[in-house]
Amino acid sequence: MRSRAETEEVSAELRRELEQPPLWMYPWGIGAAGAPIHSDALPEIHAARLAMMEAAVREVLDAAERPTVIDLACNEGWFSHRLLEWGAEKVVGIDIREVNVRRAKLIAEHLGIGEDRLEFRVGDVYDLDFAEHDTFDVVLLLGLIYHVEDPVRAVRIARGLSGRLCVIESQLTRQAAPVAWGRGPGHTEFAPASFAAYPEPDAEVNPVASEAGVLSLIPNAEAVREMARAAGFSATEQVAPGPTGHSYYLAGDRGLFCAWTSERPTPPVPSPARPPAPPPTLSMREPRLGLHTAISLSRRIRSRRRVSSQLEDELAADPPWMYPWRFGAATAPIHHEMLASVHRTRAEMIEAPVREALAAAATLSDPTPSTSPPSDPASRRPRAIDLACNEGWFSHRLLEWGAESVLGVDIREVNIRRARLVARELGLDRPGLEFRQSDVFDLRPEQLGRFDVVFLLGLIYHVEDPAGTLRIARAMTRSLCVIDTQLTRQVEPLPWTAQDGAESGSFALQIEKDSAVNPLASSTGRMSLIPNRAAVEEMAIAAGFDEVEMLTPPPLADIQYQADDRGVFIARVNSPEA
């Protein structure tokens, strides 16, 4: 039954809002006709959510002295009102769309609820500052994580705000079988947690979806549980819909989860960009450097029979090296003997298109020599950036292939220290080569400018936000971006309710091993999203590249590339940008 406040005459401002697009999310019983919703199926879904969460939420609110709630992606605030009815003393609703918050405030005003009890703010969930918030007894995360490119971070943020309970509701895929990936024949791993990649339609098609161009990641049930565990929740329970529940929940196409914690969490950090993990291979070819590299290094070290004491110490120190650098009689000890096969294959596959792009850039370059560092957007062209450069081996290749300035970026201090040391030892410590310690996600493309060639080698399958990594790379790419990554073997689309057979991109979700086990992986507890081929292509297009091509490995390529367990992609900007 509708309350008097719901049915009585509404203000002129609220009446105008009820009459203008977009259609509403909730069937508010306000005014003579009520709010026009965009789908007749919505009321049953809202009711199912409410019934599934009520017992757990009431338990927490009843136990708290002055219970507080935050409703993330609150839309028009319908669930915020329900939690006030259940006993919350204060509810804060956050939504990124101004129209939703405007409507939420109008309804609260119409119902006579003041901001001391019900407060709505326009804001991006990812921009929430933990220093400005205490934890909340209940956090609502309803219908959001399958509309974003970085669902792991969204769950981490919810954990940072949670004092006791977080309610997570999401569309789910029906993927029960683990997704397979590996490193060539004889090596296979299985990931029970996975995501389907879905390019969001424009808001004109789906007014409650994310903005156009977003690549949404739809989890399976195990991925939701894995994200909650990684975020630091102590226990996560998928709530049964009951025999009279909505068909979506009964079929497993949607799910509601209660994630519990009893202590104040440490605020989450952004997904780190990490160097590539060690890719074991079954190839028995003798590890060796590529021809161009061997010639180049031999010329530089011909007269260097001894290395500096600093380099001697570094060669003897842990962790093992990524690249088998040779300094006269000394060789860097790599942590897996077959790594050189992977490096050689990468170099062989990408050399020709990189040389072509750098040569094209050279025809447009100012012939006047420049002494500005590669990180200066006004530095000379052709210029390149090597993201997650490790010790800088491919940064050196960029110089050999025609770049006049190269910036190498890596998050680990030891890698940058070694990269600078190698450059000095080889006589390349000059203005045209610069190494910087930084998280890729902390780079500011508007400050660095654009590069003719961007390297993104062995990185995107080690981060929680691979789509965001590609967006950063695109923002810095003037002409060509080279992407190398581990791939899953998933070819068929992951099944889910809205699946029409066209969205075949997917990711396997893995917890990164401890650095003591895998010294080149991400830090302990981080999650990695390993894409299939279609997901790489979809991410590149969503990021704004004009075209993307997976390169065919050469006949003697490392076995991982021959088996499609790794892939090299060229993403292009067709009209090079100034």
Protein backbone atom coordinates (compact mmCIF):
# COMPACT_ATOMS: atom_id res chain seq x y z
CA MET A 1 0.00 0.00 0.00
CA ARG A 2 1.34 3.44 -0.93
CA SER A 3 1.87 5.99 1.84
CA ARG A 4 0.14 9.36 1.80
CA ALA A 5 3.47 11.06 0.99
CA GLU A 6 3.80 8.89 -2.09
CA THR A 7 0.36 9.52 -3.49
CA GLU A 8 -0.11 13.21 -2.67
CA GLU A 9 0.53 15.99 -5.18
CA VAL A 10 4.16 16.35 -6.25
CA SER A 11 6.17 19.50 -6.78
CA ALA A 12 6.44 21.04 -10.23
CA GLU A 13 10.13 20.12 -10.36
CA LEU A 14 9.46 16.47 -9.54
CA ARG A 15 6.55 16.38 -12.00
CA ARG A 16 8.87 17.59 -14.78
CA GLU A 17 11.40 14.93 -13.81
CA LEU A 18 8.75 12.21 -14.02
CA GLU A 19 7.80 13.34 -17.52
CA GLN A 20 11.26 13.66 -19.10
CA PRO A 21 13.80 10.99 -20.23
CA PRO A 22 15.59 8.86 -19.36
CA LEU A 23 13.13 6.30 -18.05
CA TRP A 24 13.36 5.46 -14.36
CA MET A 25 14.96 2.47 -12.64
CA TYR A 26 12.40 2.07 -9.85
CA PRO A 27 8.57 2.18 -9.95
CA TRP A 28 8.18 4.92 -7.38
CA GLY A 29 4.51 5.26 -6.44
CA ILE A 30 4.63 9.05 -6.67
CA GLY A 31 1.96 11.22 -8.23
CA ALA A 32 -1.03 10.01 -10.17
CA ALA A 33 0.85 7.85 -12.68
CA GLY A 34 4.04 6.96 -10.80
CA ALA A 35 7.55 6.82 -12.24
CA PRO A 36 7.77 5.31 -15.75
CA ILE A 37 10.38 2.50 -15.65
CA HIS A 38 12.38 1.30 -18.65
CA SER A 39 11.58 -2.42 -18.20
CA ASP A 40 8.57 -4.24 -16.75
CA ALA A 41 10.93 -6.94 -15.44
CA LEU A 42 12.63 -4.57 -13.00
CA PRO A 43 10.15 -4.59 -10.08
CA GLU A 44 10.45 -8.37 -9.64
CA ILE A 45 14.26 -8.16 -9.68
CA HIS A 46 14.23 -5.39 -7.06
CA ALA A 47 11.85 -7.42 -4.88
CA ALA A 48 14.04 -10.52 -5.20
CA ARG A 49 17.15 -8.59 -4.18
CA LEU A 50 15.33 -7.14 -1.21
CA ALA A 51 14.05 -10.49 0.04
CA MET A 52 17.44 -12.19 -0.32
CA MET A 53 19.39 -9.55 1.61
CA GLU A 54 16.86 -8.64 4.29
CA ALA A 55 17.76 -11.15 7.00
CA ALA A 56 21.50 -10.48 6.91
CA VAL A 57 21.13 -6.70 6.67
CA ARG A 58 18.60 -6.52 9.50
CA GLU A 59 20.90 -8.64 11.67
CA VAL A 60 23.74 -6.13 11.25
CA LEU A 61 21.56 -3.04 11.66
CA ASP A 62 19.91 -4.45 14.79
CA ALA A 63 23.30 -5.20 16.36
CA ALA A 64 24.85 -1.79 15.68
CA GLU A 65 24.45 1.06 18.16
CA ARG A 66 24.03 3.76 15.49
CA PRO A 67 23.92 1.82 12.23
CA THR A 68 25.21 3.47 9.06
CA VAL A 69 24.99 2.43 5.42
CA ILE A 70 26.61 3.45 2.14
CA ASP A 71 24.81 2.59 -1.10
CA LEU A 72 27.35 2.50 -3.96
CA ALA A 73 25.86 3.15 -7.40
CA CYS A 74 22.60 3.95 -5.62
CA ASN A 75 20.73 5.09 -8.74
CA GLU A 76 17.55 6.83 -7.52
CA GLY A 77 18.06 5.60 -3.95
CA TRP A 78 15.28 3.01 -3.67
CA PHE A 79 17.41 0.59 -1.61
CA SER A 80 18.69 3.47 0.49
CA HIS A 81 15.09 4.09 1.56
CA ARG A 82 14.56 0.42 2.34
CA LEU A 83 17.53 0.35 4.71
CA LEU A 84 16.24 3.41 6.50
CA GLU A 85 12.99 1.49 7.01
CA TRP A 86 14.97 -1.47 8.38
CA GLY A 87 16.66 0.63 11.06
CA ALA A 88 19.66 2.49 9.60
CA GLU A 89 20.29 5.80 11.33
CA LYS A 90 22.14 7.32 8.37
CA VAL A 91 22.42 6.27 4.72
CA VAL A 92 24.77 7.81 2.13
CA GLY A 93 24.07 7.15 -1.54
CA ILE A 94 26.71 7.61 -4.25
CA ASP A 95 26.04 7.56 -7.98
CA ILE A 96 28.07 8.74 -10.97
CA ARG A 97 25.08 10.07 -12.93
CA GLU A 98 23.84 13.52 -12.05
CA VAL A 99 20.31 12.67 -13.20
CA ASN A 100 20.08 9.78 -10.73
CA VAL A 101 21.24 11.85 -7.77
CA ARG A 102 18.95 14.72 -8.77
CA ARG A 103 15.99 12.34 -8.79
CA ALA A 104 17.07 10.71 -5.51
CA LYS A 105 17.17 14.11 -3.80
CA LEU A 106 13.77 15.13 -5.21
CA ILE A 107 12.17 11.94 -3.91
CA ALA A 108 13.77 12.28 -0.47
CA GLU A 109 12.55 15.87 -0.31
CA HIS A 110 9.04 14.82 -1.41
CA LEU A 111 8.95 12.15 1.31
CA GLY A 112 10.19 14.60 3.93
CA ILE A 113 13.50 12.86 4.71
CA GLY A 114 16.32 15.23 5.59
CA GLU A 115 20.02 14.96 4.67
CA ASP A 116 20.86 14.21 8.29
CA ARG A 117 19.38 10.76 7.65
CA LEU A 118 19.56 10.32 3.88
CA GLU A 119 22.32 11.98 1.88
CA PHE A 120 22.96 11.62 -1.86
CA ARG A 121 26.14 12.63 -3.70
CA VAL A 122 27.31 12.61 -7.31
CA GLY A 123 30.57 10.71 -7.46
CA ASP A 124 32.56 7.95 -9.11
CA VAL A 125 32.98 4.96 -6.80
CA TYR A 126 36.63 4.76 -7.87
CA ASP A 127 37.26 8.33 -6.67
CA LEU A 128 36.12 7.76 -3.08
CA ASP A 129 38.70 9.01 -0.56
CA PHE A 130 38.96 6.69 2.41
CA ALA A 131 40.40 9.47 4.55
CA GLU A 132 37.02 11.22 4.34
CA HIS A 133 34.96 8.21 5.42
CA ASP A 134 34.56 6.02 8.45
CA THR A 135 33.54 2.47 7.75
CA PHE A 136 29.86 1.71 7.37
CA ASP A 137 28.03 -1.14 9.05
CA VAL A 138 26.50 -2.13 5.71
CA VAL A 139 27.82 -1.47 2.20
CA LEU A 140 25.56 -2.07 -0.79
CA LEU A 141 27.20 -2.93 -4.11
CA LEU A 142 24.16 -3.79 -6.18
CA GLY A 143 24.21 -4.18 -9.96
CA LEU A 144 27.56 -2.45 -10.44
CA ILE A 145 30.49 -4.83 -10.82
CA TYR A 146 29.32 -6.28 -14.14
CA HIS A 147 29.15 -2.77 -15.66
CA VAL A 148 32.81 -1.80 -15.10
CA GLU A 149 36.22 -2.64 -16.57
CA ASP A 150 37.88 -3.06 -13.16
CA PRO A 151 35.48 -5.05 -10.96
CA VAL A 152 38.28 -6.23 -8.67
CA ARG A 153 39.06 -2.69 -7.61
CA ALA A 154 35.37 -1.96 -7.05
CA VAL A 155 35.20 -4.86 -4.59
CA ARG A 156 38.42 -3.69 -2.91
CA ILE A 157 36.89 -0.24 -2.45
CA ALA A 158 33.74 -1.78 -0.97
CA ARG A 159 35.96 -3.76 1.43
CA GLY A 160 37.70 -0.56 2.46
CA LEU A 161 34.35 0.93 3.45
CA SER A 162 32.92 -2.16 5.12
CA GLY A 163 32.65 -2.36 8.87
CA ARG A 164 30.69 -5.59 8.96
CA LEU A 165 28.73 -6.56 5.85
CA CYS A 166 28.90 -5.89 2.12
CA VAL A 167 26.05 -7.03 -0.10
CA ILE A 168 27.25 -7.71 -3.66
CA GLU A 169 24.71 -8.34 -6.41
CA SER A 170 25.64 -8.98 -10.02
CA GLN A 171 24.76 -10.47 -13.36
CA LEU A 172 26.64 -13.79 -13.64
CA THR A 173 27.83 -15.97 -16.47
CA ARG A 174 26.88 -19.64 -16.40
CA GLN A 175 30.51 -20.70 -16.69
CA ALA A 176 31.03 -23.64 -14.34
CA ALA A 177 33.88 -25.40 -16.15
CA PRO A 178 37.33 -23.89 -15.43
CA VAL A 179 39.00 -21.87 -18.17
CA ALA A 180 42.21 -23.51 -19.42
CA TRP A 181 45.48 -21.76 -20.11
CA GLY A 182 49.07 -22.91 -20.29
CA ARG A 183 52.57 -22.51 -21.61
CA GLY A 184 52.64 -24.90 -24.50
CA PRO A 185 51.91 -28.64 -24.82
CA GLY A 186 52.37 -30.50 -21.56
CA HIS A 187 51.63 -27.51 -19.34
CA THR A 188 48.03 -26.66 -18.56
CA GLU A 189 46.43 -24.77 -15.68
CA PHE A 190 42.75 -24.27 -14.92
CA ALA A 191 41.04 -21.16 -13.54
CA PRO A 192 37.60 -21.78 -11.96
CA ALA A 193 37.00 -18.01 -11.77
CA SER A 194 36.40 -16.18 -15.04
CA PHE A 195 34.81 -13.15 -16.71
CA ALA A 196 33.02 -12.60 -19.99
CA ALA A 197 33.99 -9.36 -21.76
CA TYR A 198 31.02 -7.37 -23.02
CA PRO A 199 31.20 -4.03 -24.88
CA GLU A 200 28.54 -1.84 -23.24
CA PRO A 201 25.91 -0.35 -25.54
CA ASP A 202 25.27 3.36 -25.64
CA ALA A 203 23.05 4.83 -22.93
CA GLU A 204 20.40 5.45 -25.59
CA VAL A 205 20.10 1.67 -25.94
CA ASN A 206 20.52 0.82 -22.27
CA PRO A 207 19.96 3.84 -20.01
CA VAL A 208 21.24 2.15 -16.85
CA ALA A 209 24.41 0.71 -18.39
CA SER A 210 27.86 2.22 -18.27
CA GLU A 211 28.90 4.89 -20.72
CA ALA A 212 29.46 3.94 -24.34
CA GLY A 213 32.78 2.27 -25.10
CA VAL A 214 33.25 0.60 -21.71
CA LEU A 215 34.24 -3.07 -21.82
CA SER A 216 32.22 -4.61 -18.99
CA LEU A 217 33.43 -7.77 -17.27
CA ILE A 218 30.66 -10.17 -16.23
CA PRO A 219 31.87 -12.61 -13.53
CA ASN A 220 30.87 -16.16 -12.82
CA ALA A 221 29.95 -16.99 -9.21
CA GLU A 222 33.46 -18.21 -8.39
CA ALA A 223 34.96 -14.92 -9.64
CA VAL A 224 32.77 -12.97 -7.19
CA ARG A 225 33.96 -15.18 -4.33
CA GLU A 226 37.61 -14.89 -5.44
CA MET A 227 37.37 -11.08 -5.67
CA ALA A 228 35.88 -10.90 -2.18
CA ARG A 229 38.64 -13.13 -0.77
CA ALA A 230 41.37 -11.10 -2.46
CA ALA A 231 39.81 -7.86 -1.20
CA GLY A 232 40.06 -9.11 2.38
CA PHE A 233 36.57 -10.24 3.32
CA SER A 234 36.72 -13.05 5.86
CA ALA A 235 33.75 -15.01 4.50
CA THR A 236 31.50 -14.78 1.46
CA GLU A 237 28.16 -16.54 1.06
CA GLN A 238 25.99 -16.71 -2.03
CA VAL A 239 22.41 -16.31 -0.83
CA ALA A 240 19.93 -18.89 -2.08
CA PRO A 241 16.96 -17.28 -3.86
CA GLY A 242 14.41 -19.69 -2.39
CA PRO A 243 11.89 -21.73 -4.38
CA THR A 244 9.74 -18.67 -5.17
CA GLY A 245 12.67 -16.44 -6.14
CA HIS A 246 13.07 -14.67 -9.46
CA SER A 247 13.95 -16.87 -12.43
CA TYR A 248 17.25 -15.04 -13.04
CA TYR A 249 18.52 -16.01 -9.58
CA LEU A 250 17.07 -19.51 -9.74
CA ALA A 251 18.88 -20.11 -13.06
CA GLY A 252 22.15 -18.66 -11.77
CA ASP A 253 22.08 -15.76 -14.23
CA ARG A 254 22.22 -13.30 -11.34
CA GLY A 255 23.56 -13.76 -7.84
CA LEU A 256 23.52 -11.99 -4.48
CA PHE A 257 26.43 -12.46 -2.08
CA CYS A 258 26.97 -11.47 1.56
CA ALA A 259 30.64 -10.67 2.22
CA TRP A 260 31.49 -10.40 5.91
CA THR A 261 34.27 -8.71 7.86
CA SER A 262 34.66 -7.97 11.56
CA GLU A 263 37.55 -5.52 11.51
CA ARG A 264 38.48 -2.23 9.91
CA PRO A 265 40.29 -2.97 6.64
CA THR A 266 43.34 -1.32 5.18
CA PRO A 267 42.33 0.96 2.28
CA PRO A 268 43.01 -0.72 -1.08
CA VAL A 269 45.75 0.40 -3.42
CA PRO A 270 45.36 0.74 -7.21
CA SER A 271 46.02 -2.37 -9.27
CA PRO A 272 49.81 -2.45 -9.72
CA ALA A 273 51.45 -2.71 -13.10
CA ARG A 274 54.01 -5.48 -12.75
CA PRO A 275 56.78 -7.02 -14.82
CA PRO A 276 56.05 -10.24 -16.69
CA ALA A 277 55.93 -13.59 -14.91
CA PRO A 278 58.48 -16.27 -15.83
CA PRO A 279 57.02 -18.15 -18.80
CA PRO A 280 58.38 -21.73 -18.67
CA THR A 281 58.50 -23.42 -22.04
CA LEU A 282 59.08 -26.93 -23.30
CA SER A 283 61.22 -25.71 -26.18
CA MET A 284 64.62 -27.41 -26.07
CA ARG A 285 66.38 -24.93 -28.33
CA GLU A 286 69.55 -23.49 -26.85
CA PRO A 287 68.84 -20.08 -25.28
CA ARG A 288 70.59 -17.38 -27.24
CA LEU A 289 70.24 -13.70 -27.99
CA GLY A 290 68.88 -12.54 -31.32
CA LEU A 291 71.31 -11.77 -34.15
CA HIS A 292 71.01 -7.99 -33.93
CA THR A 293 71.46 -8.11 -30.17
CA ALA A 294 74.48 -10.40 -30.29
CA ILE A 295 76.23 -8.17 -32.84
CA SER A 296 75.36 -5.01 -30.97
CA LEU A 297 76.52 -6.28 -27.59
CA SER A 298 79.69 -7.87 -28.94
CA ARG A 299 80.80 -4.53 -30.43
CA ARG A 300 80.17 -2.69 -27.18
CA ILE A 301 81.91 -5.15 -24.87
CA ARG A 302 84.81 -6.16 -27.13
CA SER A 303 87.25 -4.13 -25.08
CA ARG A 304 85.49 -4.78 -21.76
CA ARG A 305 87.08 -7.88 -20.24
CA ARG A 306 86.09 -6.86 -16.71
CA VAL A 307 82.90 -5.41 -15.33
CA SER A 308 82.53 -2.79 -12.64
CA SER A 309 82.39 -3.89 -9.02
CA GLN A 310 78.85 -2.54 -8.79
CA LEU A 311 77.74 -4.71 -11.70
CA GLU A 312 79.58 -7.71 -10.22
CA ASP A 313 77.60 -7.27 -7.01
CA GLU A 314 74.33 -6.94 -8.91
CA LEU A 315 75.00 -10.06 -10.98
CA ALA A 316 75.53 -12.01 -7.77
CA ALA A 317 72.48 -10.62 -5.98
CA ASP A 318 68.88 -11.85 -5.86
CA PRO A 319 66.46 -11.88 -7.56
CA PRO A 320 67.62 -13.64 -10.73
CA TRP A 321 67.61 -11.57 -13.91
CA MET A 322 65.02 -11.49 -16.66
CA TYR A 323 67.46 -11.17 -19.59
CA PRO A 324 70.75 -13.03 -20.17
CA TRP A 325 72.90 -9.90 -20.55
CA ARG A 326 76.51 -10.65 -21.51
CA PHE A 327 79.37 -8.48 -20.32
CA GLY A 328 82.57 -10.05 -21.60
CA ALA A 329 82.98 -13.28 -19.67
CA ALA A 330 80.13 -12.40 -17.30
CA THR A 331 76.51 -13.32 -18.03
CA ALA A 332 73.48 -12.32 -16.02
CA PRO A 333 71.92 -15.37 -14.29
CA ILE A 334 68.29 -15.58 -15.47
CA HIS A 335 65.62 -17.21 -13.32
CA HIS A 336 64.51 -19.62 -16.07
CA GLU A 337 66.84 -20.98 -18.72
CA MET A 338 64.25 -20.91 -21.49
CA LEU A 339 63.41 -17.21 -21.18
CA ALA A 340 65.76 -16.29 -24.00
CA SER A 341 63.58 -18.28 -26.40
CA VAL A 342 60.59 -16.10 -25.53
CA HIS A 343 62.62 -12.89 -25.85
CA ARG A 344 64.01 -13.96 -29.19
CA THR A 345 60.57 -14.81 -30.57
CA ARG A 346 59.12 -11.49 -29.44
CA ALA A 347 61.96 -9.55 -31.03
CA GLU A 348 61.73 -11.47 -34.30
CA MET A 349 57.97 -10.91 -34.55
CA ILE A 350 57.91 -7.20 -33.78
CA GLU A 351 61.12 -5.87 -35.36
CA ALA A 352 59.76 -5.20 -38.86
CA PRO A 353 56.57 -3.28 -37.89
CA VAL A 354 58.45 -1.31 -35.21
CA ARG A 355 61.22 -0.33 -37.63
CA GLU A 356 58.58 0.73 -40.15
CA ALA A 357 56.75 2.92 -37.63
CA LEU A 358 59.96 4.55 -36.39
CA ALA A 359 61.18 5.16 -39.94
CA ALA A 360 57.87 6.84 -40.79
CA ALA A 361 58.19 9.02 -37.70
CA ALA A 362 61.74 9.97 -38.68
CA THR A 363 60.48 11.54 -41.92
CA LEU A 364 58.38 13.94 -39.83
CA SER A 365 61.05 14.70 -37.24
CA ASP A 366 62.72 18.00 -36.64
CA PRO A 367 66.30 17.48 -37.89
CA THR A 368 67.62 19.76 -35.15
CA PRO A 369 69.25 17.65 -32.40
CA SER A 370 67.46 17.73 -29.06
CA THR A 371 69.00 17.33 -25.62
CA SER A 372 65.69 17.03 -23.78
CA PRO A 373 65.06 13.69 -22.00
CA PRO A 374 62.65 11.15 -23.49
CA SER A 375 60.11 11.91 -20.74
CA ASP A 376 59.81 15.48 -22.03
CA PRO A 377 56.86 15.67 -24.47
CA ALA A 378 58.91 18.16 -26.52
CA SER A 379 61.81 15.70 -26.90
CA ARG A 380 63.04 14.72 -30.32
CA ARG A 381 61.32 12.19 -32.50
CA PRO A 382 61.02 9.36 -33.25
CA ARG A 383 60.37 8.54 -29.59
CA ALA A 384 59.24 5.36 -27.84
CA ILE A 385 58.16 4.21 -24.39
CA ASP A 386 58.70 0.73 -22.93
CA LEU A 387 56.06 0.08 -20.25
CA ALA A 388 57.06 -2.53 -17.64
CA CYS A 389 60.54 -2.41 -19.17
CA ASN A 390 62.18 -4.64 -16.55
CA GLU A 391 65.97 -4.32 -17.08
CA GLY A 392 65.51 -2.44 -20.35
CA TRP A 393 66.45 -5.09 -22.90
CA PHE A 394 63.68 -4.08 -25.32
CA SER A 395 64.39 -0.40 -24.64
CA HIS A 396 67.83 -1.05 -26.16
CA ARG A 397 66.22 -2.81 -29.11
CA LEU A 398 64.08 0.28 -29.74
CA LEU A 399 67.25 2.36 -30.01
CA GLU A 400 68.73 -0.15 -32.46
CA TRP A 401 65.54 -0.15 -34.55
CA GLY A 402 65.43 3.60 -35.08
CA ALA A 403 64.12 5.39 -31.98
CA GLU A 404 66.08 8.51 -31.09
CA SER A 405 64.70 8.69 -27.57
CA VAL A 406 63.36 5.88 -25.36
CA LEU A 407 61.72 6.04 -21.94
CA GLY A 408 61.65 2.79 -19.93
CA VAL A 409 59.21 2.54 -17.03
CA ASP A 410 59.00 -0.15 -14.38
CA ILE A 411 57.43 -0.37 -10.93
CA ARG A 412 60.30 -2.27 -9.28
CA GLU A 413 63.31 -0.39 -7.98
CA VAL A 414 65.64 -3.33 -8.59
CA ASN A 415 64.70 -3.43 -12.28
CA ILE A 416 65.32 0.27 -12.82
CA ARG A 417 68.58 0.10 -10.88
CA ARG A 418 69.75 -2.73 -13.11
CA ALA A 419 68.51 -1.02 -16.29
CA ARG A 420 70.54 2.09 -15.50
CA LEU A 421 73.57 0.03 -14.54
CA VAL A 422 73.45 -1.95 -17.79
CA ALA A 423 73.14 1.27 -19.81
CA ARG A 424 76.24 2.68 -18.13
CA GLU A 425 78.18 -0.55 -18.60
CA LEU A 426 77.34 -0.61 -22.30
CA GLY A 427 78.14 3.05 -22.81
CA LEU A 428 74.52 4.07 -23.44
CA ASP A 429 74.07 6.36 -20.46
CA ARG A 430 73.02 9.33 -22.57
CA PRO A 431 70.06 11.72 -22.97
CA GLY A 432 68.34 9.49 -25.52
CA LEU A 433 67.73 6.68 -23.00
CA GLU A 434 65.92 7.28 -19.72
CA PHE A 435 64.61 4.88 -17.07
CA ARG A 436 62.00 5.82 -14.50
CA GLN A 437 60.52 3.90 -11.56
CA SER A 438 56.74 4.24 -11.65
CA ASP A 439 53.49 2.31 -11.60
CA VAL A 440 52.01 2.42 -15.11
CA PHE A 441 48.72 3.53 -13.55
CA ASP A 442 50.47 6.59 -12.07
CA LEU A 443 51.72 7.82 -15.45
CA ARG A 444 50.08 10.96 -16.82
CA PRO A 445 49.84 10.80 -20.63
CA GLU A 446 48.94 14.49 -20.77
CA GLN A 447 52.33 15.26 -19.20
CA LEU A 448 54.42 12.74 -21.13
CA GLY A 449 52.81 13.40 -24.51
CA ARG A 450 52.57 10.83 -27.29
CA PHE A 451 55.13 8.29 -28.47
CA ASP A 452 55.53 6.90 -31.96
CA VAL A 453 55.87 3.38 -30.55
CA VAL A 454 54.57 2.04 -27.22
CA PHE A 455 55.67 -1.35 -25.86
CA LEU A 456 53.31 -3.27 -23.57
CA LEU A 457 55.15 -6.57 -23.31
CA GLY A 458 54.22 -9.22 -20.77
CA LEU A 459 52.17 -6.87 -18.58
CA ILE A 460 48.41 -6.99 -19.14
CA TYR A 461 47.99 -10.55 -17.82
CA HIS A 462 49.59 -9.52 -14.50
CA VAL A 463 47.19 -6.71 -13.55
CA GLU A 464 43.66 -6.44 -12.18
CA ASP A 465 42.69 -3.80 -14.75
CA PRO A 466 44.04 -4.87 -18.16
CA ALA A 467 41.53 -2.69 -20.03
CA GLY A 468 42.68 0.34 -18.05
CA THR A 469 46.29 -0.48 -18.90
CA LEU A 470 45.44 -0.46 -22.60
CA ARG A 471 43.62 2.86 -22.24
CA ILE A 472 46.78 4.38 -20.75
CA ALA A 473 48.86 2.92 -23.59
CA ARG A 474 46.40 4.27 -26.18
CA ALA A 475 46.54 7.76 -24.67
CA MET A 476 50.32 7.75 -25.25
CA THR A 477 50.33 6.11 -28.70
CA ARG A 478 50.83 8.27 -31.75
CA SER A 479 51.16 5.41 -34.23
CA LEU A 480 51.88 1.87 -32.99
CA CYS A 481 51.41 -0.13 -29.77
CA VAL A 482 52.92 -3.61 -29.38
CA ILE A 483 51.12 -5.91 -26.93
CA ASP A 484 52.54 -9.25 -25.78
CA THR A 485 50.59 -11.40 -23.36
CA GLN A 486 49.82 -14.83 -22.03
CA LEU A 487 46.50 -16.10 -23.46
CA THR A 488 43.87 -18.56 -22.31
CA ARG A 489 42.64 -21.29 -24.60
CA GLN A 490 39.00 -20.18 -24.37
CA VAL A 491 37.52 -19.88 -27.85
CA GLU A 492 33.78 -20.36 -27.32
CA PRO A 493 31.81 -17.46 -25.77
CA LEU A 494 31.12 -17.78 -22.06
CA PRO A 495 27.35 -18.28 -21.61
CA TRP A 496 25.25 -15.65 -19.88
CA THR A 497 21.72 -14.24 -20.11
CA ALA A 498 22.38 -11.46 -22.61
CA GLN A 499 24.74 -13.57 -24.71
CA ASP A 500 23.94 -13.39 -28.42
CA GLY A 501 27.00 -15.30 -29.58
CA ALA A 502 29.02 -12.24 -30.63
CA GLU A 503 30.85 -11.45 -27.39
CA SER A 504 33.60 -14.06 -27.24
CA GLY A 505 36.13 -12.13 -25.18
CA SER A 506 36.88 -13.63 -21.76
CA PHE A 507 39.39 -13.64 -18.91
CA ALA A 508 40.66 -16.24 -16.47
CA LEU A 509 41.09 -14.94 -12.91
CA GLN A 510 44.21 -16.00 -11.04
CA ILE A 511 45.73 -15.10 -7.66
CA GLU A 512 49.36 -14.10 -8.22
CA LYS A 513 51.91 -16.33 -6.51
CA ASP A 514 54.15 -14.96 -3.82
CA SER A 515 57.24 -13.17 -5.13
CA ALA A 516 59.36 -15.76 -3.30
CA VAL A 517 57.88 -18.38 -5.65
CA ASN A 518 57.65 -16.19 -8.73
CA PRO A 519 59.99 -13.19 -8.41
CA LEU A 520 58.72 -11.44 -11.53
CA ALA A 521 54.99 -11.74 -10.84
CA SER A 522 52.78 -9.19 -9.14
CA SER A 523 52.75 -8.87 -5.37
CA THR A 524 51.12 -11.44 -3.14
CA GLY A 525 47.33 -11.33 -3.01
CA ARG A 526 46.86 -9.41 -6.25
CA MET A 527 44.66 -10.86 -8.94
CA SER A 528 45.62 -11.29 -12.57
CA LEU A 529 43.20 -11.38 -15.47
CA ILE A 530 44.51 -13.56 -18.29
CA PRO A 531 42.73 -12.71 -21.58
CA ASN A 532 41.87 -14.85 -24.54
CA ARG A 533 42.63 -13.57 -28.03
CA ALA A 534 39.18 -12.02 -28.48
CA ALA A 535 39.49 -10.12 -25.19
CA VAL A 536 42.77 -8.51 -26.28
CA GLU A 537 41.20 -7.40 -29.54
CA GLU A 538 38.09 -6.06 -27.78
CA MET A 539 40.16 -4.18 -25.18
CA ALA A 540 42.27 -2.55 -27.89
CA ILE A 541 39.23 -1.36 -29.83
CA ALA A 542 37.49 -0.17 -26.66
CA ALA A 543 40.64 1.77 -25.74
CA GLY A 544 40.43 3.67 -29.03
CA PHE A 545 42.87 1.93 -31.39
CA ASP A 546 41.69 1.91 -34.99
CA GLU A 547 42.74 -1.67 -35.68
CA VAL A 548 44.45 -4.58 -33.96
CA GLU A 549 46.19 -7.57 -35.49
CA MET A 550 47.57 -10.74 -33.91
CA LEU A 551 50.90 -11.56 -35.52
CA THR A 552 51.68 -15.01 -36.90
CA PRO A 553 54.69 -16.56 -35.13
CA PRO A 554 57.69 -17.53 -37.29
CA PRO A 555 58.45 -21.22 -37.97
CA LEU A 556 61.03 -21.53 -35.17
CA ALA A 557 59.09 -19.49 -32.62
CA ASP A 558 58.95 -20.42 -28.97
CA ILE A 559 56.42 -23.20 -28.41
CA GLN A 560 54.10 -20.91 -26.41
CA TYR A 561 53.52 -18.71 -29.46
CA GLN A 562 53.13 -21.70 -31.77
CA ALA A 563 50.45 -23.13 -29.44
CA ASP A 564 48.66 -19.74 -29.09
CA ASP A 565 49.30 -19.79 -25.34
CA ARG A 566 51.04 -16.45 -25.84
CA GLY A 567 50.36 -13.85 -28.48
CA VAL A 568 51.82 -10.66 -29.95
CA PHE A 569 49.40 -8.00 -31.16
CA ILE A 570 49.95 -4.82 -33.14
CA ALA A 571 47.45 -2.07 -32.31
CA ARG A 572 47.49 0.89 -34.70
CA VAL A 573 46.39 4.48 -34.83
CA ASN A 574 45.70 4.95 -38.54
CA SER A 575 46.14 8.72 -38.57
CA PRO A 576 49.29 9.39 -36.54
CA GLU A 577 48.54 12.07 -33.97
CA ALA A 578 50.66 15.05 -33.15
